Every structure is written in C-alpha cells, then in structure tokens.
Amino acid sequence: MHRAVRAACLLLAFSCAPAYAQNAKLLKNFNHWSAYQSAASPKTCFVVSQPLSSEPSDVRRGPIYFYISRYPSDRIKNEISIKMGYPFSPGAKVSVNIDGKAFSFYTKDEGAYVETRAGEDQVVEAMKAGSSLTVSGTSSRGTKTTDKYSLSGVTAAMSEIERECSF
C-alpha cells in the first residue's frame, strides 16, 4: 500500500505540464520520453511519456502519463505508475502489452501499478527491448480505452535518471 500512496503523490504532483516546470527540473528529452529530477528533498528522478494516440478519441479524460520513478533514498529503481485520466472501479485491472508481451497492473483511483518490484523490473526490461507499448483499461463508467506509446527514447531516458539518482 505504501508504494501506491507514494505513486499517487507523484502522479498528483506531476499531473499536468505546468506542474513539471514548478516541481521538477527537466534533465533531457529523449524522443518520446523525458527525464526529470525533483526539486524537493529527498531527491527523486523519473521518466515520463504521454501516449501517441488514445482511443476512443472522443472521450473526455484527464491527463494521461506513463511514469517510471527512481527513489535513491529508498533504494527503489523502477517504480512504475500510469495516470489513466479517469477513475477505476475497485479491483479493476489494466493490461499493458509491450511488443506482444502482456502484463497485468492493479488500479487505485486514477492510477495503475505493478504488484511487485520484480514485476516492475520485468516491465522495464521489456520496455528497453521493445518499440511500442499499449495500455488498455476500463473506467468506472465502463468505457474501454486504449493508449499507445512509443518506446523510442526510454532506454536513454532511464540511463539519464540512473546517473542523476544513483545509489
């Protein structure tokens, strides 16, 4: 539960573009992924991307982001969180597909998360080796959504935050 709370705080703090400028320093952009370092203490780094496409396109949603965060003070290297832009029903799951490899994420509020640290590492390794990522979920109202991300730049962005937030 501690992980979901920390991730929810990160999602809230960085839920829209102006918040990035106020709460984090852009380290560098890498194609479709950007690397950031928090301005607050303890130091936190993260990579983030927005989907290239979202379906259905006529549905009103809040901001949509895929994050991978690094918390050196807690020795956490790959905490994944997805802000879906809508609330989920309790117990809902989100499907993540990376070049044909499927992963299931649990949900809380408007976020989706990986159950275990080992699972997060597996997702990140698949992302580094892959070219595209698809996230599918269903809102609490029953609307099915699909968000497609490019993985171009994720490996370089991850290398950048590993340098900036090493432990």
C-alpha atoms as a PDB file:
ATOM      1  CA  MET A   1       0.000   0.000   0.000  1.00  0.00           C
ATOM      2  CA  HIS A   2       2.944   2.339   0.737  1.00  0.00           C
ATOM      3  CA  ARG A   3       4.005   2.142  -2.932  1.00  0.00           C
ATOM      4  CA  ALA A   4       0.567   3.126  -4.195  1.00  0.00           C
ATOM      5  CA  VAL A   5       0.458   6.121  -1.844  1.00  0.00           C
ATOM      6  CA  ARG A   6       3.913   7.339  -2.945  1.00  0.00           C
ATOM      7  CA  ALA A   7       2.988   6.833  -6.611  1.00  0.00           C
ATOM      8  CA  ALA A   8      -0.328   8.639  -6.114  1.00  0.00           C
ATOM      9  CA  CYS A   9       1.534  11.585  -4.582  1.00  0.00           C
ATOM     10  CA  LEU A  10       3.920  11.660  -7.553  1.00  0.00           C
ATOM     11  CA  LEU A  11       1.017  11.488 -10.001  1.00  0.00           C
ATOM     12  CA  LEU A  12      -0.767  14.304  -8.213  1.00  0.00           C
ATOM     13  CA  ALA A  13       2.341  16.467  -8.062  1.00  0.00           C
ATOM     14  CA  PHE A  14       3.169  15.950 -11.734  1.00  0.00           C
ATOM     15  CA  SER A  15      -0.294  15.583 -13.265  1.00  0.00           C
ATOM     16  CA  CYS A  16      -0.082  18.427 -15.772  1.00  0.00           C
ATOM     17  CA  ALA A  17       2.567  20.183 -17.827  1.00  0.00           C
ATOM     18  CA  PRO A  18       2.802  23.396 -15.718  1.00  0.00           C
ATOM     19  CA  ALA A  19       3.485  21.292 -12.630  1.00  0.00           C
ATOM     20  CA  TYR A  20       6.617  19.890 -14.277  1.00  0.00           C
ATOM     21  CA  ALA A  21       8.085  23.354 -14.568  1.00  0.00           C
ATOM     22  CA  GLN A  22       7.331  24.163 -10.937  1.00  0.00           C
ATOM     23  CA  ASN A  23       8.211  20.890  -9.223  1.00  0.00           C
ATOM     24  CA  ALA A  24      10.909  19.226 -11.296  1.00  0.00           C
ATOM     25  CA  LYS A  25      13.914  20.027 -13.421  1.00  0.00           C
ATOM     26  CA  LEU A  26      13.935  18.681 -16.946  1.00  0.00           C
ATOM     27  CA  LEU A  27      17.175  16.775 -17.366  1.00  0.00           C
ATOM     28  CA  LYS A  28      16.743  15.984 -21.043  1.00  0.00           C
ATOM     29  CA  ASN A  29      14.228  14.922 -23.696  1.00  0.00           C
ATOM     30  CA  PHE A  30      14.834  11.628 -25.487  1.00  0.00           C
ATOM     31  CA  ASN A  31      12.480  11.231 -28.456  1.00  0.00           C
ATOM     32  CA  HIS A  32       9.120  10.342 -26.832  1.00  0.00           C
ATOM     33  CA  TRP A  33      10.420  10.189 -23.232  1.00  0.00           C
ATOM     34  CA  SER A  34      11.650  12.905 -20.885  1.00  0.00           C
ATOM     35  CA  ALA A  35      13.884  12.585 -17.824  1.00  0.00           C
ATOM     36  CA  TYR A  36      13.243  14.770 -14.762  1.00  0.00           C
ATOM     37  CA  GLN A  37      14.702  15.333 -11.309  1.00  0.00           C
ATOM     38  CA  SER A  38      12.528  16.589  -8.469  1.00  0.00           C
ATOM     39  CA  ALA A  39      13.281  19.930  -6.883  1.00  0.00           C
ATOM     40  CA  ALA A  40      12.292  18.576  -3.463  1.00  0.00           C
ATOM     41  CA  SER A  41      14.274  16.523  -0.996  1.00  0.00           C
ATOM     42  CA  PRO A  42      14.864  13.617  -0.891  1.00  0.00           C
ATOM     43  CA  LYS A  43      15.993  13.515  -4.491  1.00  0.00           C
ATOM     44  CA  THR A  44      13.678  11.681  -6.886  1.00  0.00           C
ATOM     45  CA  CYS A  45      14.086  11.158 -10.618  1.00  0.00           C
ATOM     46  CA  PHE A  46      11.587   9.925 -13.149  1.00  0.00           C
ATOM     47  CA  VAL A  47      10.975   9.409 -16.839  1.00  0.00           C
ATOM     48  CA  VAL A  48       7.611  10.203 -18.347  1.00  0.00           C
ATOM     49  CA  SER A  49       5.768   9.933 -21.635  1.00  0.00           C
ATOM     50  CA  GLN A  50       2.318  10.650 -22.986  1.00  0.00           C
ATOM     51  CA  PRO A  51       0.536   8.352 -25.437  1.00  0.00           C
ATOM     52  CA  LEU A  52       0.884   8.926 -29.171  1.00  0.00           C
ATOM     53  CA  SER A  53      -2.793   8.010 -29.509  1.00  0.00           C
ATOM     54  CA  SER A  54      -5.756   7.362 -27.220  1.00  0.00           C
ATOM     55  CA  GLU A  55      -8.940   5.556 -28.202  1.00  0.00           C
ATOM     56  CA  PRO A  56     -11.744   6.320 -28.180  1.00  0.00           C
ATOM     57  CA  SER A  57     -10.633   9.825 -29.115  1.00  0.00           C
ATOM     58  CA  ASP A  58     -13.993  11.437 -28.327  1.00  0.00           C
ATOM     59  CA  VAL A  59     -13.974  10.519 -24.605  1.00  0.00           C
ATOM     60  CA  ARG A  60     -13.182  13.245 -22.069  1.00  0.00           C
ATOM     61  CA  ARG A  61     -10.250  12.221 -19.870  1.00  0.00           C
ATOM     62  CA  GLY A  62      -7.818  13.911 -17.577  1.00  0.00           C
ATOM     63  CA  PRO A  63      -4.071  13.950 -18.277  1.00  0.00           C
ATOM     64  CA  ILE A  64      -2.567  10.592 -19.315  1.00  0.00           C
ATOM     65  CA  TYR A  65       1.055   9.735 -18.420  1.00  0.00           C
ATOM     66  CA  PHE A  66       3.320   6.701 -18.049  1.00  0.00           C
ATOM     67  CA  TYR A  67       5.984   7.185 -15.337  1.00  0.00           C
ATOM     68  CA  ILE A  68       8.994   5.233 -14.150  1.00  0.00           C
ATOM     69  CA  SER A  69      10.380   6.697 -10.925  1.00  0.00           C
ATOM     70  CA  ARG A  70      13.629   6.255  -9.036  1.00  0.00           C
ATOM     71  CA  TYR A  71      13.915   6.902  -5.267  1.00  0.00           C
ATOM     72  CA  PRO A  72      17.600   6.621  -4.226  1.00  0.00           C
ATOM     73  CA  SER A  73      16.910   7.198  -0.515  1.00  0.00           C
ATOM     74  CA  ASP A  74      14.606   4.143  -0.515  1.00  0.00           C
ATOM     75  CA  ARG A  75      16.771   2.184  -2.995  1.00  0.00           C
ATOM     76  CA  ILE A  76      13.857   1.931  -5.444  1.00  0.00           C
ATOM     77  CA  LYS A  77      14.936   1.954  -9.081  1.00  0.00           C
ATOM     78  CA  ASN A  78      11.906   1.201 -11.286  1.00  0.00           C
ATOM     79  CA  GLU A  79       8.622   2.230  -9.686  1.00  0.00           C
ATOM     80  CA  ILE A  80       6.034   2.266 -12.468  1.00  0.00           C
ATOM     81  CA  SER A  81       2.808   4.250 -12.370  1.00  0.00           C
ATOM     82  CA  ILE A  82       0.329   5.082 -15.087  1.00  0.00           C
ATOM     83  CA  LYS A  83      -2.064   8.009 -14.812  1.00  0.00           C
ATOM     84  CA  MET A  84      -5.057   6.967 -16.896  1.00  0.00           C
ATOM     85  CA  GLY A  85      -7.127  10.165 -16.758  1.00  0.00           C
ATOM     86  CA  TYR A  86     -10.195   8.519 -15.230  1.00  0.00           C
ATOM     87  CA  PRO A  87     -11.165   6.595 -12.069  1.00  0.00           C
ATOM     88  CA  PHE A  88     -11.419   2.812 -11.976  1.00  0.00           C
ATOM     89  CA  SER A  89     -13.920   0.541 -10.289  1.00  0.00           C
ATOM     90  CA  PRO A  90     -12.489  -1.209  -7.206  1.00  0.00           C
ATOM     91  CA  GLY A  91     -10.483  -4.286  -8.187  1.00  0.00           C
ATOM     92  CA  ALA A  92     -10.147  -3.287 -11.851  1.00  0.00           C
ATOM     93  CA  LYS A  93      -7.047  -4.377 -13.775  1.00  0.00           C
ATOM     94  CA  VAL A  94      -5.143  -2.664 -16.571  1.00  0.00           C
ATOM     95  CA  SER A  95      -3.465  -4.584 -19.377  1.00  0.00           C
ATOM     96  CA  VAL A  96      -0.049  -3.472 -20.633  1.00  0.00           C
ATOM     97  CA  ASN A  97       1.293  -5.015 -23.812  1.00  0.00           C
ATOM     98  CA  ILE A  98       4.890  -4.479 -24.906  1.00  0.00           C
ATOM     99  CA  ASP A  99       5.554  -5.893 -28.374  1.00  0.00           C
ATOM    100  CA  GLY A 100       3.298  -8.896 -27.693  1.00  0.00           C
ATOM    101  CA  LYS A 101       4.340  -9.464 -24.061  1.00  0.00           C
ATOM    102  CA  ALA A 102       1.393  -8.941 -21.674  1.00  0.00           C
ATOM    103  CA  PHE A 103       1.477  -7.575 -18.117  1.00  0.00           C
ATOM    104  CA  SER A 104      -1.397  -7.020 -15.676  1.00  0.00           C
ATOM    105  CA  PHE A 105      -1.429  -3.939 -13.411  1.00  0.00           C
ATOM    106  CA  TYR A 106      -3.655  -3.296 -10.386  1.00  0.00           C
ATOM    107  CA  THR A 107      -5.512   0.008 -10.055  1.00  0.00           C
ATOM    108  CA  LYS A 108      -6.202   2.608  -7.397  1.00  0.00           C
ATOM    109  CA  ASP A 109      -8.107   5.837  -8.042  1.00  0.00           C
ATOM    110  CA  GLU A 110      -6.863   7.026 -11.488  1.00  0.00           C
ATOM    111  CA  GLY A 111      -3.593   5.094 -11.417  1.00  0.00           C
ATOM    112  CA  ALA A 112      -2.316   1.680 -12.463  1.00  0.00           C
ATOM    113  CA  TYR A 113       0.630  -0.059 -10.783  1.00  0.00           C
ATOM    114  CA  VAL A 114       2.714  -3.246 -10.862  1.00  0.00           C
ATOM    115  CA  GLU A 115       2.270  -5.586  -7.867  1.00  0.00           C
ATOM    116  CA  THR A 116       5.954  -6.322  -7.136  1.00  0.00           C
ATOM    117  CA  ARG A 117       9.424  -4.809  -7.533  1.00  0.00           C
ATOM    118  CA  ALA A 118      10.478  -7.859  -9.567  1.00  0.00           C
ATOM    119  CA  GLY A 119       7.465  -7.307 -11.818  1.00  0.00           C
ATOM    120  CA  GLU A 120       8.463  -3.670 -12.306  1.00  0.00           C
ATOM    121  CA  ASP A 121      11.964  -4.736 -13.322  1.00  0.00           C
ATOM    122  CA  GLN A 122      10.483  -7.161 -15.877  1.00  0.00           C
ATOM    123  CA  VAL A 123       8.281  -4.453 -17.375  1.00  0.00           C
ATOM    124  CA  VAL A 124      11.202  -2.007 -17.601  1.00  0.00           C
ATOM    125  CA  GLU A 125      13.442  -4.594 -19.270  1.00  0.00           C
ATOM    126  CA  ALA A 126      10.683  -5.353 -21.800  1.00  0.00           C
ATOM    127  CA  MET A 127      10.282  -1.616 -22.431  1.00  0.00           C
ATOM    128  CA  LYS A 128      14.009  -1.169 -23.056  1.00  0.00           C
ATOM    129  CA  ALA A 129      13.961  -4.049 -25.557  1.00  0.00           C
ATOM    130  CA  GLY A 130      10.666  -3.041 -27.171  1.00  0.00           C
ATOM    131  CA  SER A 131       9.404  -0.479 -29.638  1.00  0.00           C
ATOM    132  CA  SER A 132       5.774   0.074 -28.598  1.00  0.00           C
ATOM    133  CA  LEU A 133       3.611  -0.170 -25.511  1.00  0.00           C
ATOM    134  CA  THR A 134      -0.189  -0.375 -25.354  1.00  0.00           C
ATOM    135  CA  VAL A 135      -2.213   0.267 -22.201  1.00  0.00           C
ATOM    136  CA  SER A 136      -5.839  -0.923 -22.071  1.00  0.00           C
ATOM    137  CA  GLY A 137      -8.255  -0.216 -19.256  1.00  0.00           C
ATOM    138  CA  THR A 138     -11.916   0.279 -18.423  1.00  0.00           C
ATOM    139  CA  SER A 139     -13.158   3.298 -16.484  1.00  0.00           C
ATOM    140  CA  SER A 140     -15.568   3.085 -13.562  1.00  0.00           C
ATOM    141  CA  ARG A 141     -18.271   4.143 -16.063  1.00  0.00           C
ATOM    142  CA  GLY A 142     -17.484   1.146 -18.274  1.00  0.00           C
ATOM    143  CA  THR A 143     -15.627   2.991 -21.039  1.00  0.00           C
ATOM    144  CA  LYS A 144     -12.855   0.868 -22.561  1.00  0.00           C
ATOM    145  CA  THR A 145      -9.730   2.819 -23.502  1.00  0.00           C
ATOM    146  CA  THR A 146      -6.509   2.031 -25.331  1.00  0.00           C
ATOM    147  CA  ASP A 147      -3.423   4.250 -25.157  1.00  0.00           C
ATOM    148  CA  LYS A 148      -0.448   3.654 -27.461  1.00  0.00           C
ATOM    149  CA  TYR A 149       3.050   4.798 -26.506  1.00  0.00           C
ATOM    150  CA  SER A 150       6.313   4.807 -28.416  1.00  0.00           C
ATOM    151  CA  LEU A 151       9.270   3.361 -26.522  1.00  0.00           C
ATOM    152  CA  SER A 152      11.733   5.374 -28.598  1.00  0.00           C
ATOM    153  CA  GLY A 153      13.998   7.129 -26.097  1.00  0.00           C
ATOM    154  CA  VAL A 154      13.005   5.192 -22.971  1.00  0.00           C
ATOM    155  CA  THR A 155      16.390   3.439 -22.640  1.00  0.00           C
ATOM    156  CA  ALA A 156      18.332   6.710 -22.917  1.00  0.00           C
ATOM    157  CA  ALA A 157      15.942   8.452 -20.506  1.00  0.00           C
ATOM    158  CA  MET A 158      16.345   5.617 -17.987  1.00  0.00           C
ATOM    159  CA  SER A 159      20.142   5.851 -18.288  1.00  0.00           C
ATOM    160  CA  GLU A 160      19.918   9.582 -17.557  1.00  0.00           C
ATOM    161  CA  ILE A 161      17.957   9.141 -14.317  1.00  0.00           C
ATOM    162  CA  GLU A 162      20.212   6.255 -13.278  1.00  0.00           C
ATOM    163  CA  ARG A 163      23.152   8.724 -13.482  1.00  0.00           C
ATOM    164  CA  GLU A 164      21.323  11.559 -11.713  1.00  0.00           C
ATOM    165  CA  CYS A 165      19.713   9.437  -8.991  1.00  0.00           C
ATOM    166  CA  SER A 166      22.296   6.709  -8.472  1.00  0.00           C
ATOM    167  CA  PHE A 167      22.561   4.643  -5.322  1.00  0.00           C
END
